[in-house]
C-alpha atoms as a PDB file:
ATOM      1  CA  UNK A   1      18.408 -75.435 -95.381  1.00  0.00           C
ATOM      2  CA  UNK A   2      21.374 -74.219 -97.406  1.00  0.00           C
ATOM      3  CA  UNK A   3      22.482 -70.721 -96.389  1.00  0.00           C
ATOM      4  CA  UNK A   4      24.828 -68.499 -98.356  1.00  0.00           C
ATOM      5  CA  UNK A   5      27.125 -65.839 -96.954  1.00  0.00           C
ATOM      6  CA  UNK A   6      28.893 -63.131 -98.914  1.00  0.00           C
ATOM      7  CA  UNK A   7      32.190 -62.100 -97.376  1.00  0.00           C
ATOM      8  CA  UNK A   8      33.366 -58.601 -98.273  1.00  0.00           C
ATOM      9  CA  UNK A   9      36.550 -56.832 -97.219  1.00  0.00           C
ATOM     10  CA  UNK A  10      36.170 -53.103 -96.650  1.00  0.00           C
ATOM     11  CA  UNK A  11      38.473 -50.700 -94.792  1.00  0.00           C
ATOM     12  CA  UNK A  12      40.416 -53.473 -93.001  1.00  0.00           C
ATOM     13  CA  UNK A  13      37.183 -55.106 -91.790  1.00  0.00           C
ATOM     14  CA  UNK A  14      35.255 -58.069 -93.099  1.00  0.00           C
ATOM     15  CA  UNK A  15      31.519 -57.886 -93.592  1.00  0.00           C
ATOM     16  CA  UNK A  16      29.545 -61.130 -93.662  1.00  0.00           C
ATOM     17  CA  UNK A  17      26.145 -60.846 -95.339  1.00  0.00           C
ATOM     18  CA  UNK A  18      23.451 -63.519 -95.421  1.00  0.00           C
ATOM     19  CA  UNK A  19      21.017 -62.472 -98.181  1.00  0.00           C
ATOM     20  CA  UNK A  20      18.419 -65.184 -97.443  1.00  0.00           C
ATOM     21  CA  UNK A  21      17.855 -63.904 -93.905  1.00  0.00           C
ATOM     22  CA  UNK A  22      18.935 -60.261 -94.430  1.00  0.00           C
ATOM     23  CA  UNK A  23      21.560 -60.529 -91.676  1.00  0.00           C
ATOM     24  CA  UNK A  24      24.918 -58.763 -91.585  1.00  0.00           C
ATOM     25  CA  UNK A  25      27.860 -58.639 -89.205  1.00  0.00           C
ATOM     26  CA  UNK A  26      31.462 -57.568 -89.287  1.00  0.00           C
ATOM     27  CA  UNK A  27      34.797 -58.513 -87.756  1.00  0.00           C
ATOM     28  CA  UNK A  28      38.471 -57.715 -87.992  1.00  0.00           C
ATOM     29  CA  UNK A  29      39.302 -60.910 -89.883  1.00  0.00           C
ATOM     30  CA  UNK A  30      37.627 -63.469 -92.154  1.00  0.00           C
ATOM     31  CA  UNK A  31      37.470 -66.302 -89.630  1.00  0.00           C
ATOM     32  CA  UNK A  32      35.801 -64.145 -86.975  1.00  0.00           C
ATOM     33  CA  UNK A  33      33.309 -62.767 -89.497  1.00  0.00           C
ATOM     34  CA  UNK A  34      32.327 -66.283 -90.574  1.00  0.00           C
ATOM     35  CA  UNK A  35      32.106 -67.508 -86.968  1.00  0.00           C
ATOM     36  CA  UNK A  36      29.947 -64.530 -85.971  1.00  0.00           C
ATOM     37  CA  UNK A  37      27.531 -64.898 -88.888  1.00  0.00           C
ATOM     38  CA  UNK A  38      27.179 -68.633 -88.139  1.00  0.00           C
ATOM     39  CA  UNK A  39      26.344 -67.836 -84.505  1.00  0.00           C
ATOM     40  CA  UNK A  40      23.814 -65.190 -85.532  1.00  0.00           C
ATOM     41  CA  UNK A  41      22.165 -67.462 -88.119  1.00  0.00           C
ATOM     42  CA  UNK A  42      21.876 -70.300 -85.593  1.00  0.00           C
ATOM     43  CA  UNK A  43      20.380 -67.915 -83.020  1.00  0.00           C
ATOM     44  CA  UNK A  44      17.930 -66.583 -85.629  1.00  0.00           C
ATOM     45  CA  UNK A  45      16.775 -70.081 -86.601  1.00  0.00           C
ATOM     46  CA  UNK A  46      16.524 -71.342 -83.003  1.00  0.00           C
ATOM     47  CA  UNK A  47      14.545 -68.253 -81.952  1.00  0.00           C
ATOM     48  CA  UNK A  48      12.125 -68.639 -84.856  1.00  0.00           C
ATOM     49  CA  UNK A  49      11.610 -72.311 -84.010  1.00  0.00           C
ATOM     50  CA  UNK A  50      10.976 -71.453 -80.337  1.00  0.00           C
ATOM     51  CA  UNK A  51       8.227 -69.075 -81.467  1.00  0.00           C
ATOM     52  CA  UNK A  52       6.637 -71.940 -83.369  1.00  0.00           C
ATOM     53  CA  UNK A  53       7.619 -70.859 -86.850  1.00  0.00           C
ATOM     54  CA  UNK A  54       8.300 -73.614 -89.346  1.00  0.00           C
ATOM     55  CA  UNK A  55      11.959 -72.916 -90.093  1.00  0.00           C
ATOM     56  CA  UNK A  56      14.419 -75.540 -91.277  1.00  0.00           C
ATOM     57  CA  UNK A  57      17.731 -75.982 -89.511  1.00  0.00           C
ATOM     58  CA  UNK A  58      20.866 -74.924 -91.339  1.00  0.00           C
ATOM     59  CA  UNK A  59      22.410 -77.911 -93.086  1.00  0.00           C
ATOM     60  CA  UNK A  60      25.059 -76.143 -95.137  1.00  0.00           C
ATOM     61  CA  UNK A  61      26.785 -72.765 -95.062  1.00  0.00           C
ATOM     62  CA  UNK A  62      28.308 -71.663 -98.374  1.00  0.00           C
ATOM     63  CA  UNK A  63      30.728 -68.738 -98.059  1.00  0.00           C
ATOM     64  CA  UNK A  64      31.456 -66.665-101.155  1.00  0.00           C
ATOM     65  CA  UNK A  65      34.624 -64.603-100.959  1.00  0.00           C
ATOM     66  CA  UNK A  66      36.534 -66.852 -98.534  1.00  0.00           C
ATOM     67  CA  UNK A  67      40.100 -67.259 -99.732  1.00  0.00           C
END
């Protein structure tokens, strides 16, 4: 499954938003925001699979706003 993340800078923080899964997180820098959203997405997918839901694994993470 291809997942997209929007990276937004606001008030010296970076917000990472995954619209497909309606997940958000923030961090003090871009790299931490991307790392955190990846961890949260992986946890979300693994948890759904453990509950028996038919959810594809993440195959690609596309980050918009990463410079």
